[in-house]
């Protein structure tokens, strides 16, 4: 006796077609095409989550670099100076400080310049 899978198959297909709702053309209508599109989308989403972390770190570095160069010091010297001083601020908080509180950030830059 053969197994047709009945509602189980229907539910699985329905779920995939629901996930591809809004895709263009056959990618949201035909099961096989929709499944391929969904798998690719999930791979891209996974990679995108990793890429976002790299992109944000690059953005923070650019912001810190711009702020310290305005004070006449390079990014690498600034970061090395912070390490020597034992300041344990990460790049995210340094970038936020540079954007939201430039006076406090400039004090930190001056402290690094005086220490080194």
PDB file of N, CA and C in Angstrom:
ATOM      1  N   UNK A   1       0.836  -1.181   0.000  1.00  0.00           N
ATOM      2  CA  UNK A   1       0.000   0.000   0.000  1.00  0.00           C
ATOM      3  C   UNK A   1       0.886   1.251   0.000  1.00  0.00           C
ATOM      4  N   UNK A   2       0.613   2.184  -0.905  1.00  0.00           N
ATOM      5  CA  UNK A   2       1.467   3.370  -0.994  1.00  0.00           C
ATOM      6  C   UNK A   2       1.022   4.450  -0.011  1.00  0.00           C
ATOM      7  N   UNK A   3       1.975   5.296   0.324  1.00  0.00           N
ATOM      8  CA  UNK A   3       1.708   6.387   1.257  1.00  0.00           C
ATOM      9  C   UNK A   3       1.656   7.685   0.460  1.00  0.00           C
ATOM     10  N   UNK A   4       0.560   8.439   0.609  1.00  0.00           N
ATOM     11  CA  UNK A   4       0.414   9.695  -0.130  1.00  0.00           C
ATOM     12  C   UNK A   4       0.703  10.914   0.749  1.00  0.00           C
ATOM     13  N   UNK A   5       0.744  10.762   2.016  1.00  0.00           N
ATOM     14  CA  UNK A   5       1.090  11.784   3.018  1.00  0.00           C
ATOM     15  C   UNK A   5      -0.011  12.803   3.302  1.00  0.00           C
ATOM     16  N   UNK A   6      -1.017  12.894   2.482  1.00  0.00           N
ATOM     17  CA  UNK A   6      -2.206  13.684   2.752  1.00  0.00           C
ATOM     18  C   UNK A   6      -1.979  15.076   3.317  1.00  0.00           C
ATOM     19  N   UNK A   7      -2.551  15.363   4.478  1.00  0.00           N
ATOM     20  CA  UNK A   7      -2.480  16.721   5.027  1.00  0.00           C
ATOM     21  C   UNK A   7      -1.058  17.170   5.363  1.00  0.00           C
ATOM     22  N   UNK A   8      -0.188  16.238   5.684  1.00  0.00           N
ATOM     23  CA  UNK A   8       1.191  16.593   6.032  1.00  0.00           C
ATOM     24  C   UNK A   8       1.875  17.291   4.854  1.00  0.00           C
ATOM     25  N   UNK A   9       1.737  16.727   3.661  1.00  0.00           N
ATOM     26  CA  UNK A   9       2.338  17.331   2.469  1.00  0.00           C
ATOM     27  C   UNK A   9       1.696  18.684   2.182  1.00  0.00           C
ATOM     28  N   UNK A  10       0.364  18.740   2.287  1.00  0.00           N
ATOM     29  CA  UNK A  10      -0.350  19.988   2.011  1.00  0.00           C
ATOM     30  C   UNK A  10       0.125  21.094   2.962  1.00  0.00           C
ATOM     31  N   UNK A  11       0.268  20.754   4.241  1.00  0.00           N
ATOM     32  CA  UNK A  11       0.693  21.752   5.233  1.00  0.00           C
ATOM     33  C   UNK A  11       2.110  22.234   4.973  1.00  0.00           C
ATOM     34  N   UNK A  12       2.997  21.293   4.606  1.00  0.00           N
ATOM     35  CA  UNK A  12       4.382  21.677   4.321  1.00  0.00           C
ATOM     36  C   UNK A  12       4.438  22.618   3.114  1.00  0.00           C
ATOM     37  N   UNK A  13       3.686  22.286   2.073  1.00  0.00           N
ATOM     38  CA  UNK A  13       3.677  23.123   0.875  1.00  0.00           C
ATOM     39  C   UNK A  13       3.048  24.488   1.171  1.00  0.00           C
ATOM     40  N   UNK A  14       1.992  24.465   1.960  1.00  0.00           N
ATOM     41  CA  UNK A  14       1.318  25.708   2.309  1.00  0.00           C
ATOM     42  C   UNK A  14       2.267  26.633   3.087  1.00  0.00           C
ATOM     43  N   UNK A  15       3.046  26.029   3.974  1.00  0.00           N
ATOM     44  CA  UNK A  15       3.976  26.812   4.783  1.00  0.00           C
ATOM     45  C   UNK A  15       5.029  27.478   3.891  1.00  0.00           C
ATOM     46  N   UNK A  16       5.563  26.730   2.935  1.00  0.00           N
ATOM     47  CA  UNK A  16       6.595  27.282   2.047  1.00  0.00           C
ATOM     48  C   UNK A  16       6.003  28.364   1.158  1.00  0.00           C
ATOM     49  N   UNK A  17       4.800  28.139   0.632  1.00  0.00           N
ATOM     50  CA  UNK A  17       4.165  29.148  -0.210  1.00  0.00           C
ATOM     51  C   UNK A  17       3.818  30.399   0.608  1.00  0.00           C
ATOM     52  N   UNK A  18       3.509  30.217   1.884  1.00  0.00           N
ATOM     53  CA  UNK A  18       3.237  31.372   2.744  1.00  0.00           C
ATOM     54  C   UNK A  18       4.522  32.158   3.005  1.00  0.00           C
ATOM     55  N   UNK A  19       5.645  31.444   3.147  1.00  0.00           N
ATOM     56  CA  UNK A  19       6.929  32.111   3.396  1.00  0.00           C
ATOM     57  C   UNK A  19       7.391  32.906   2.176  1.00  0.00           C
ATOM     58  N   UNK A  20       6.965  32.476   0.983  1.00  0.00           N
ATOM     59  CA  UNK A  20       7.397  33.158  -0.239  1.00  0.00           C
ATOM     60  C   UNK A  20       6.343  34.144  -0.744  1.00  0.00           C
ATOM     61  N   UNK A  21       5.390  34.469   0.105  1.00  0.00           N
ATOM     62  CA  UNK A  21       4.357  35.440  -0.268  1.00  0.00           C
ATOM     63  C   UNK A  21       5.037  36.773  -0.578  1.00  0.00           C
ATOM     64  N   UNK A  22       4.680  37.372  -1.697  1.00  0.00           N
ATOM     65  CA  UNK A  22       5.286  38.640  -2.074  1.00  0.00           C
ATOM     66  C   UNK A  22       6.443  38.489  -3.046  1.00  0.00           C
ATOM     67  N   UNK A  23       6.921  37.247  -3.246  1.00  0.00           N
ATOM     68  CA  UNK A  23       7.981  37.034  -4.230  1.00  0.00           C
ATOM     69  C   UNK A  23       7.382  37.200  -5.618  1.00  0.00           C
ATOM     70  N   UNK A  24       8.237  37.490  -6.598  1.00  0.00           N
ATOM     71  CA  UNK A  24       7.777  37.816  -7.934  1.00  0.00           C
ATOM     72  C   UNK A  24       7.509  36.562  -8.765  1.00  0.00           C
ATOM     73  N   UNK A  25       6.440  36.578  -9.539  1.00  0.00           N
ATOM     74  CA  UNK A  25       6.157  35.533 -10.518  1.00  0.00           C
ATOM     75  C   UNK A  25       5.956  34.158  -9.912  1.00  0.00           C
ATOM     76  N   UNK A  26       6.604  33.173 -10.540  1.00  0.00           N
ATOM     77  CA  UNK A  26       6.421  31.778 -10.140  1.00  0.00           C
ATOM     78  C   UNK A  26       6.988  31.501  -8.754  1.00  0.00           C
ATOM     79  N   UNK A  27       7.843  32.375  -8.286  1.00  0.00           N
ATOM     80  CA  UNK A  27       8.518  32.129  -7.010  1.00  0.00           C
ATOM     81  C   UNK A  27       7.568  32.129  -5.822  1.00  0.00           C
ATOM     82  N   UNK A  28       6.365  32.624  -6.004  1.00  0.00           N
ATOM     83  CA  UNK A  28       5.399  32.522  -4.910  1.00  0.00           C
ATOM     84  C   UNK A  28       4.185  31.684  -5.286  1.00  0.00           C
ATOM     85  N   UNK A  29       4.196  31.155  -6.515  1.00  0.00           N
ATOM     86  CA  UNK A  29       3.049  30.367  -6.963  1.00  0.00           C
ATOM     87  C   UNK A  29       3.346  28.879  -7.044  1.00  0.00           C
ATOM     88  N   UNK A  30       4.504  28.531  -7.592  1.00  0.00           N
ATOM     89  CA  UNK A  30       4.829  27.128  -7.842  1.00  0.00           C
ATOM     90  C   UNK A  30       5.695  26.590  -6.711  1.00  0.00           C
ATOM     91  N   UNK A  31       5.329  25.418  -6.208  1.00  0.00           N
ATOM     92  CA  UNK A  31       5.983  24.888  -5.012  1.00  0.00           C
ATOM     93  C   UNK A  31       7.486  24.731  -5.184  1.00  0.00           C
ATOM     94  N   UNK A  32       7.916  24.070  -6.253  1.00  0.00           N
ATOM     95  CA  UNK A  32       9.344  23.772  -6.396  1.00  0.00           C
ATOM     96  C   UNK A  32      10.163  25.063  -6.533  1.00  0.00           C
ATOM     97  N   UNK A  33       9.670  25.983  -7.353  1.00  0.00           N
ATOM     98  CA  UNK A  33      10.358  27.260  -7.540  1.00  0.00           C
ATOM     99  C   UNK A  33      10.359  28.056  -6.238  1.00  0.00           C
ATOM    100  N   UNK A  34       9.229  28.015  -5.537  1.00  0.00           N
ATOM    101  CA  UNK A  34       9.108  28.735  -4.266  1.00  0.00           C
ATOM    102  C   UNK A  34      10.079  28.157  -3.242  1.00  0.00           C
ATOM    103  N   UNK A  35      10.203  26.847  -3.236  1.00  0.00           N
ATOM    104  CA  UNK A  35      11.101  26.198  -2.277  1.00  0.00           C
ATOM    105  C   UNK A  35      12.554  26.620  -2.536  1.00  0.00           C
ATOM    106  N   UNK A  36      12.942  26.650  -3.804  1.00  0.00           N
ATOM    107  CA  UNK A  36      14.306  27.071  -4.160  1.00  0.00           C
ATOM    108  C   UNK A  36      14.543  28.525  -3.758  1.00  0.00           C
ATOM    109  N   UNK A  37      13.560  29.372  -4.045  1.00  0.00           N
ATOM    110  CA  UNK A  37      13.687  30.792  -3.719  1.00  0.00           C
ATOM    111  C   UNK A  37      13.780  30.987  -2.205  1.00  0.00           C
ATOM    112  N   UNK A  38      12.980  30.221  -1.460  1.00  0.00           N
ATOM    113  CA  UNK A  38      12.974  30.335  -0.008  1.00  0.00           C
ATOM    114  C   UNK A  38      14.311  29.880   0.575  1.00  0.00           C
ATOM    115  N   UNK A  39      14.837  28.777   0.053  1.00  0.00           N
ATOM    116  CA  UNK A  39      16.126  28.278   0.556  1.00  0.00           C
ATOM    117  C   UNK A  39      17.228  29.302   0.311  1.00  0.00           C
ATOM    118  N   UNK A  40      17.222  29.900  -0.875  1.00  0.00           N
ATOM    119  CA  UNK A  40      18.221  30.917  -1.192  1.00  0.00           C
ATOM    120  C   UNK A  40      18.056  32.139  -0.287  1.00  0.00           C
ATOM    121  N   UNK A  41      16.796  32.525  -0.057  1.00  0.00           N
ATOM    122  CA  UNK A  41      16.526  33.682   0.805  1.00  0.00           C
ATOM    123  C   UNK A  41      17.014  33.425   2.225  1.00  0.00           C
ATOM    124  N   UNK A  42      16.824  32.207   2.711  1.00  0.00           N
ATOM    125  CA  UNK A  42      17.253  31.880   4.072  1.00  0.00           C
ATOM    126  C   UNK A  42      18.777  31.886   4.182  1.00  0.00           C
ATOM    127  N   UNK A  43      19.453  31.401   3.138  1.00  0.00           N
ATOM    128  CA  UNK A  43      20.921  31.434   3.126  1.00  0.00           C
ATOM    129  C   UNK A  43      21.402  32.881   3.125  1.00  0.00           C
ATOM    130  N   UNK A  44      20.780  33.703   2.270  1.00  0.00           N
ATOM    131  CA  UNK A  44      21.162  35.122   2.194  1.00  0.00           C
ATOM    132  C   UNK A  44      20.912  35.829   3.517  1.00  0.00           C
ATOM    133  N   UNK A  45      19.806  35.485   4.177  1.00  0.00           N
ATOM    134  CA  UNK A  45      19.479  36.118   5.455  1.00  0.00           C
ATOM    135  C   UNK A  45      20.511  35.740   6.506  1.00  0.00           C
ATOM    136  N   UNK A  46      20.931  34.475   6.502  1.00  0.00           N
ATOM    137  CA  UNK A  46      21.938  34.011   7.463  1.00  0.00           C
ATOM    138  C   UNK A  46      23.256  34.756   7.237  1.00  0.00           C
ATOM    139  N   UNK A  47      23.663  34.827   5.978  1.00  0.00           N
ATOM    140  CA  UNK A  47      24.907  35.527   5.655  1.00  0.00           C
ATOM    141  C   UNK A  47      24.793  37.016   5.961  1.00  0.00           C
ATOM    142  N   UNK A  48      23.604  37.572   5.741  1.00  0.00           N
ATOM    143  CA  UNK A  48      23.376  38.982   6.005  1.00  0.00           C
ATOM    144  C   UNK A  48      23.521  39.324   7.477  1.00  0.00           C
ATOM    145  N   UNK A  49      23.107  38.409   8.339  1.00  0.00           N
ATOM    146  CA  UNK A  49      23.246  38.646   9.782  1.00  0.00           C
ATOM    147  C   UNK A  49      24.711  38.706  10.182  1.00  0.00           C
ATOM    148  N   UNK A  50      25.549  37.925   9.522  1.00  0.00           N
ATOM    149  CA  UNK A  50      26.995  37.958   9.801  1.00  0.00           C
ATOM    150  C   UNK A  50      27.603  39.231   9.205  1.00  0.00           C
ATOM    151  N   UNK A  51      27.161  39.579   7.989  1.00  0.00           N
ATOM    152  CA  UNK A  51      27.687  40.751   7.296  1.00  0.00           C
ATOM    153  C   UNK A  51      27.368  42.031   8.060  1.00  0.00           C
ATOM    154  N   UNK A  52      26.171  42.058   8.670  1.00  0.00           N
ATOM    155  CA  UNK A  52      25.742  43.248   9.403  1.00  0.00           C
ATOM    156  C   UNK A  52      26.712  43.575  10.534  1.00  0.00           C
ATOM    157  N   UNK A  53      27.210  42.544  11.203  1.00  0.00           N
ATOM    158  CA  UNK A  53      28.163  42.748  12.301  1.00  0.00           C
ATOM    159  C   UNK A  53      29.456  43.368  11.784  1.00  0.00           C
ATOM    160  N   UNK A  54      29.927  42.874  10.627  1.00  0.00           N
ATOM    161  CA  UNK A  54      31.148  43.423  10.028  1.00  0.00           C
ATOM    162  C   UNK A  54      30.922  44.867   9.593  1.00  0.00           C
ATOM    163  N   UNK A  55      29.763  45.125   8.976  1.00  0.00           N
ATOM    164  CA  UNK A  55      29.450  46.473   8.489  1.00  0.00           C
ATOM    165  C   UNK A  55      29.390  47.478   9.637  1.00  0.00           C
ATOM    166  N   UNK A  56      28.767  47.067  10.737  1.00  0.00           N
ATOM    167  CA  UNK A  56      28.646  47.981  11.878  1.00  0.00           C
ATOM    168  C   UNK A  56      30.019  48.284  12.461  1.00  0.00           C
ATOM    169  N   UNK A  57      30.872  47.280  12.585  1.00  0.00           N
ATOM    170  CA  UNK A  57      32.215  47.518  13.115  1.00  0.00           C
ATOM    171  C   UNK A  57      32.977  48.499  12.231  1.00  0.00           C
ATOM    172  N   UNK A  58      32.860  48.335  10.898  1.00  0.00           N
ATOM    173  CA  UNK A  58      33.519  49.251   9.961  1.00  0.00           C
ATOM    174  C   UNK A  58      32.995  50.669  10.135  1.00  0.00           C
ATOM    175  N   UNK A  59      31.677  50.796  10.321  1.00  0.00           N
ATOM    176  CA  UNK A  59      31.078  52.115  10.510  1.00  0.00           C
ATOM    177  C   UNK A  59      31.612  52.775  11.783  1.00  0.00           C
ATOM    178  N   UNK A  60      31.695  51.986  12.873  1.00  0.00           N
ATOM    179  CA  UNK A  60      32.201  52.541  14.134  1.00  0.00           C
ATOM    180  C   UNK A  60      33.636  53.018  13.972  1.00  0.00           C
ATOM    181  N   UNK A  61      34.446  52.235  13.285  1.00  0.00           N
ATOM    182  CA  UNK A  61      35.852  52.603  13.085  1.00  0.00           C
ATOM    183  C   UNK A  61      35.950  53.892  12.274  1.00  0.00           C
ATOM    184  N   UNK A  62      35.131  54.017  11.232  1.00  0.00           N
ATOM    185  CA  UNK A  62      35.140  55.227  10.400  1.00  0.00           C
ATOM    186  C   UNK A  62      34.766  56.446  11.247  1.00  0.00           C
ATOM    187  N   UNK A  63      33.751  56.298  12.092  1.00  0.00           N
ATOM    188  CA  UNK A  63      33.307  57.419  12.925  1.00  0.00           C
ATOM    189  C   UNK A  63      34.374  57.825  13.943  1.00  0.00           C
ATOM    190  N   UNK A  64      34.990  56.827  14.582  1.00  0.00           N
ATOM    191  CA  UNK A  64      36.041  57.122  15.568  1.00  0.00           C
ATOM    192  C   UNK A  64      37.215  57.786  14.868  1.00  0.00           C
ATOM    193  N   UNK A  65      37.597  57.249  13.720  1.00  0.00           N
ATOM    194  CA  UNK A  65      38.731  57.777  12.952  1.00  0.00           C
ATOM    195  C   UNK A  65      38.488  59.240  12.582  1.00  0.00           C
ATOM    196  N   UNK A  66      37.289  59.552  12.112  1.00  0.00           N
ATOM    197  CA  UNK A  66      36.979  60.936  11.725  1.00  0.00           C
ATOM    198  C   UNK A  66      37.064  61.859  12.938  1.00  0.00           C
ATOM    199  N   UNK A  67      36.575  61.384  14.074  1.00  0.00           N
ATOM    200  CA  UNK A  67      36.564  62.226  15.273  1.00  0.00           C
ATOM    201  C   UNK A  67      37.982  62.456  15.814  1.00  0.00           C
ATOM    202  N   UNK A  68      38.824  61.413  15.793  1.00  0.00           N
ATOM    203  CA  UNK A  68      40.179  61.593  16.346  1.00  0.00           C
ATOM    204  C   UNK A  68      41.081  62.354  15.383  1.00  0.00           C
ATOM    205  N   UNK A  69      40.869  62.201  14.096  1.00  0.00           N
ATOM    206  CA  UNK A  69      41.687  62.946  13.123  1.00  0.00           C
ATOM    207  C   UNK A  69      41.415  64.442  13.224  1.00  0.00           C
ATOM    208  N   UNK A  70      40.185  64.810  13.581  1.00  0.00           N
ATOM    209  CA  UNK A  70      39.864  66.225  13.787  1.00  0.00           C
ATOM    210  C   UNK A  70      40.649  66.784  14.977  1.00  0.00           C
ATOM    211  N   UNK A  71      41.085  65.897  15.864  1.00  0.00           N
ATOM    212  CA  UNK A  71      41.880  66.297  17.033  1.00  0.00           C
ATOM    213  C   UNK A  71      43.379  66.121  16.799  1.00  0.00           C
ATOM    214  N   UNK A  72      43.743  65.694  15.583  1.00  0.00           N
ATOM    215  CA  UNK A  72      45.156  65.612  15.220  1.00  0.00           C
ATOM    216  C   UNK A  72      45.864  64.348  15.663  1.00  0.00           C
ATOM    217  N   UNK A  73      45.160  63.229  15.698  1.00  0.00           N
ATOM    218  CA  UNK A  73      45.775  61.944  16.063  1.00  0.00           C
ATOM    219  C   UNK A  73      45.159  60.873  15.169  1.00  0.00           C
ATOM    220  N   UNK A  74      45.916  59.831  14.896  1.00  0.00           N
ATOM    221  CA  UNK A  74      45.380  58.783  14.028  1.00  0.00           C
ATOM    222  C   UNK A  74      44.580  57.770  14.856  1.00  0.00           C
ATOM    223  N   UNK A  75      43.739  57.015  14.170  1.00  0.00           N
ATOM    224  CA  UNK A  75      42.893  56.008  14.819  1.00  0.00           C
ATOM    225  C   UNK A  75      43.736  54.973  15.545  1.00  0.00           C
ATOM    226  N   UNK A  76      44.779  54.487  14.873  1.00  0.00           N
ATOM    227  CA  UNK A  76      45.579  53.412  15.469  1.00  0.00           C
ATOM    228  C   UNK A  76      46.309  53.895  16.728  1.00  0.00           C
ATOM    229  N   UNK A  77      46.832  55.120  16.685  1.00  0.00           N
ATOM    230  CA  UNK A  77      47.509  55.679  17.872  1.00  0.00           C
ATOM    231  C   UNK A  77      46.513  55.902  19.008  1.00  0.00           C
ATOM    232  N   UNK A  78      45.313  56.323  18.635  1.00  0.00           N
ATOM    233  CA  UNK A  78      44.269  56.536  19.644  1.00  0.00           C
ATOM    234  C   UNK A  78      43.911  55.226  20.334  1.00  0.00           C
ATOM    235  N   UNK A  79      43.681  54.183  19.542  1.00  0.00           N
ATOM    236  CA  UNK A  79      43.287  52.884  20.116  1.00  0.00           C
ATOM    237  C   UNK A  79      44.423  52.289  20.949  1.00  0.00           C
ATOM    238  N   UNK A  80      45.647  52.450  20.462  1.00  0.00           N
ATOM    239  CA  UNK A  80      46.804  51.947  21.229  1.00  0.00           C
ATOM    240  C   UNK A  80      46.923  52.709  22.544  1.00  0.00           C
ATOM    241  N   UNK A  81      46.701  54.030  22.499  1.00  0.00           N
ATOM    242  CA  UNK A  81      46.756  54.846  23.708  1.00  0.00           C
ATOM    243  C   UNK A  81      45.695  54.449  24.717  1.00  0.00           C
ATOM    244  N   UNK A  82      44.500  54.151  24.223  1.00  0.00           N
ATOM    245  CA  UNK A  82      43.425  53.703  25.121  1.00  0.00           C
ATOM    246  C   UNK A  82      43.803  52.401  25.819  1.00  0.00           C
ATOM    247  N   UNK A  83      44.391  51.483  25.044  1.00  0.00           N
ATOM    248  CA  UNK A  83      44.808  50.200  25.627  1.00  0.00           C
ATOM    249  C   UNK A  83      45.854  50.409  26.709  1.00  0.00           C
ATOM    250  N   UNK A  84      46.834  51.292  26.423  1.00  0.00           N
ATOM    251  CA  UNK A  84      47.895  51.575  27.404  1.00  0.00           C
ATOM    252  C   UNK A  84      47.316  52.184  28.678  1.00  0.00           C
ATOM    253  N   UNK A  85      46.304  53.050  28.505  1.00  0.00           N
ATOM    254  CA  UNK A  85      45.677  53.694  29.662  1.00  0.00           C
ATOM    255  C   UNK A  85      44.762  52.748  30.427  1.00  0.00           C
ATOM    256  N   UNK A  86      44.417  51.620  29.801  1.00  0.00           N
ATOM    257  CA  UNK A  86      43.529  50.659  30.453  1.00  0.00           C
ATOM    258  C   UNK A  86      42.050  51.017  30.333  1.00  0.00           C
ATOM    259  N   UNK A  87      41.726  51.816  29.325  1.00  0.00           N
ATOM    260  CA  UNK A  87      40.319  52.177  29.094  1.00  0.00           C
ATOM    261  C   UNK A  87      39.665  51.033  28.329  1.00  0.00           C
ATOM    262  N   UNK A  88      38.620  50.467  28.909  1.00  0.00           N
ATOM    263  CA  UNK A  88      37.992  49.271  28.319  1.00  0.00           C
ATOM    264  C   UNK A  88      36.681  49.628  27.624  1.00  0.00           C
ATOM    265  N   UNK A  89      36.702  50.633  26.755  1.00  0.00           N
ATOM    266  CA  UNK A  89      35.508  50.978  25.977  1.00  0.00           C
ATOM    267  C   UNK A  89      35.596  50.311  24.614  1.00  0.00           C
ATOM    268  N   UNK A  90      34.500  49.699  24.184  1.00  0.00           N
ATOM    269  CA  UNK A  90      34.521  49.067  22.861  1.00  0.00           C
ATOM    270  C   UNK A  90      34.259  50.101  21.770  1.00  0.00           C
ATOM    271  N   UNK A  91      34.421  49.690  20.519  1.00  0.00           N
ATOM    272  CA  UNK A  91      34.296  50.612  19.394  1.00  0.00           C
ATOM    273  C   UNK A  91      32.883  51.170  19.270  1.00  0.00           C
ATOM    274  N   UNK A  92      31.903  50.357  19.605  1.00  0.00           N
ATOM    275  CA  UNK A  92      30.515  50.818  19.514  1.00  0.00           C
ATOM    276  C   UNK A  92      30.283  51.997  20.455  1.00  0.00           C
ATOM    277  N   UNK A  93      30.712  51.865  21.713  1.00  0.00           N
ATOM    278  CA  UNK A  93      30.483  52.955  22.664  1.00  0.00           C
ATOM    279  C   UNK A  93      31.358  54.161  22.356  1.00  0.00           C
ATOM    280  N   UNK A  94      32.568  53.930  21.835  1.00  0.00           N
ATOM    281  CA  UNK A  94      33.419  55.058  21.444  1.00  0.00           C
ATOM    282  C   UNK A  94      32.789  55.848  20.298  1.00  0.00           C
ATOM    283  N   UNK A  95      32.222  55.131  19.325  1.00  0.00           N
ATOM    284  CA  UNK A  95      31.585  55.792  18.187  1.00  0.00           C
ATOM    285  C   UNK A  95      30.356  56.576  18.649  1.00  0.00           C
ATOM    286  N   UNK A  96      29.565  55.989  19.541  1.00  0.00           N
ATOM    287  CA  UNK A  96      28.394  56.691  20.079  1.00  0.00           C
ATOM    288  C   UNK A  96      28.826  57.952  20.815  1.00  0.00           C
ATOM    289  N   UNK A  97      29.901  57.834  21.597  1.00  0.00           N
ATOM    290  CA  UNK A  97      30.430  58.974  22.339  1.00  0.00           C
ATOM    291  C   UNK A  97      30.870  60.082  21.378  1.00  0.00           C
ATOM    292  N   UNK A  98      31.558  59.675  20.308  1.00  0.00           N
ATOM    293  CA  UNK A  98      32.055  60.645  19.325  1.00  0.00           C
ATOM    294  C   UNK A  98      30.911  61.384  18.642  1.00  0.00           C
ATOM    295  N   UNK A  99      29.799  60.697  18.392  1.00  0.00           N
ATOM    296  CA  UNK A  99      28.675  61.307  17.687  1.00  0.00           C
ATOM    297  C   UNK A  99      27.782  62.095  18.641  1.00  0.00           C
ATOM    298  N   UNK A 100      27.453  61.504  19.783  1.00  0.00           N
ATOM    299  CA  UNK A 100      26.458  62.106  20.683  1.00  0.00           C
ATOM    300  C   UNK A 100      27.047  63.087  21.697  1.00  0.00           C
ATOM    301  N   UNK A 101      28.304  62.853  22.113  1.00  0.00           N
ATOM    302  CA  UNK A 101      28.915  63.730  23.122  1.00  0.00           C
ATOM    303  C   UNK A 101      30.338  64.075  22.703  1.00  0.00           C
ATOM    304  N   UNK A 102      30.497  64.928  21.686  1.00  0.00           N
ATOM    305  CA  UNK A 102      31.839  65.213  21.159  1.00  0.00           C
ATOM    306  C   UNK A 102      32.782  65.865  22.175  1.00  0.00           C
ATOM    307  N   UNK A 103      32.236  66.665  23.120  1.00  0.00           N
ATOM    308  CA  UNK A 103      33.109  67.311  24.104  1.00  0.00           C
ATOM    309  C   UNK A 103      33.772  66.264  25.002  1.00  0.00           C
ATOM    310  N   UNK A 104      32.985  65.313  25.476  1.00  0.00           N
ATOM    311  CA  UNK A 104      33.536  64.247  26.335  1.00  0.00           C
ATOM    312  C   UNK A 104      34.533  63.393  25.553  1.00  0.00           C
ATOM    313  N   UNK A 105      34.205  63.134  24.296  1.00  0.00           N
ATOM    314  CA  UNK A 105      35.111  62.344  23.463  1.00  0.00           C
ATOM    315  C   UNK A 105      36.439  63.075  23.272  1.00  0.00           C
ATOM    316  N   UNK A 106      36.360  64.384  23.053  1.00  0.00           N
ATOM    317  CA  UNK A 106      37.575  65.174  22.880  1.00  0.00           C
ATOM    318  C   UNK A 106      38.434  65.163  24.138  1.00  0.00           C
ATOM    319  N   UNK A 107      37.789  65.138  25.309  1.00  0.00           N
ATOM    320  CA  UNK A 107      38.542  65.010  26.566  1.00  0.00           C
ATOM    321  C   UNK A 107      39.314  63.699  26.613  1.00  0.00           C
ATOM    322  N   UNK A 108      38.644  62.645  26.136  1.00  0.00           N
ATOM    323  CA  UNK A 108      39.283  61.320  26.085  1.00  0.00           C
ATOM    324  C   UNK A 108      40.468  61.335  25.120  1.00  0.00           C
ATOM    325  N   UNK A 109      40.304  61.976  23.973  1.00  0.00           N
ATOM    326  CA  UNK A 109      41.391  62.082  22.995  1.00  0.00           C
ATOM    327  C   UNK A 109      42.560  62.857  23.582  1.00  0.00           C
ATOM    328  N   UNK A 110      42.270  63.946  24.282  1.00  0.00           N
ATOM    329  CA  UNK A 110      43.335  64.741  24.916  1.00  0.00           C
ATOM    330  C   UNK A 110      44.065  63.921  25.966  1.00  0.00           C
ATOM    331  N   UNK A 111      43.326  63.140  26.728  1.00  0.00           N
ATOM    332  CA  UNK A 111      43.952  62.287  27.752  1.00  0.00           C
ATOM    333  C   UNK A 111      44.898  61.284  27.107  1.00  0.00           C
ATOM    334  N   UNK A 112      44.487  60.723  25.973  1.00  0.00           N
ATOM    335  CA  UNK A 112      45.352  59.767  25.255  1.00  0.00           C
ATOM    336  C   UNK A 112      46.591  60.466  24.722  1.00  0.00           C
ATOM    337  N   UNK A 113      46.409  61.662  24.173  1.00  0.00           N
ATOM    338  CA  UNK A 113      47.557  62.420  23.639  1.00  0.00           C
ATOM    339  C   UNK A 113      48.546  62.764  24.750  1.00  0.00           C
ATOM    340  N   UNK A 114      48.054  63.158  25.910  1.00  0.00           N
ATOM    341  CA  UNK A 114      48.926  63.518  27.029  1.00  0.00           C
ATOM    342  C   UNK A 114      49.625  62.313  27.636  1.00  0.00           C
ATOM    343  N   UNK A 115      48.921  61.157  27.625  1.00  0.00           N
ATOM    344  CA  UNK A 115      49.495  59.931  28.204  1.00  0.00           C
ATOM    345  C   UNK A 115      50.632  59.402  27.328  1.00  0.00           C
ATOM    346  N   UNK A 116      50.496  59.544  26.005  1.00  0.00           N
ATOM    347  CA  UNK A 116      51.482  58.964  25.088  1.00  0.00           C
ATOM    348  C   UNK A 116      52.498  59.965  24.725  1.00  0.00           C
TER     349      UNK A 116
END
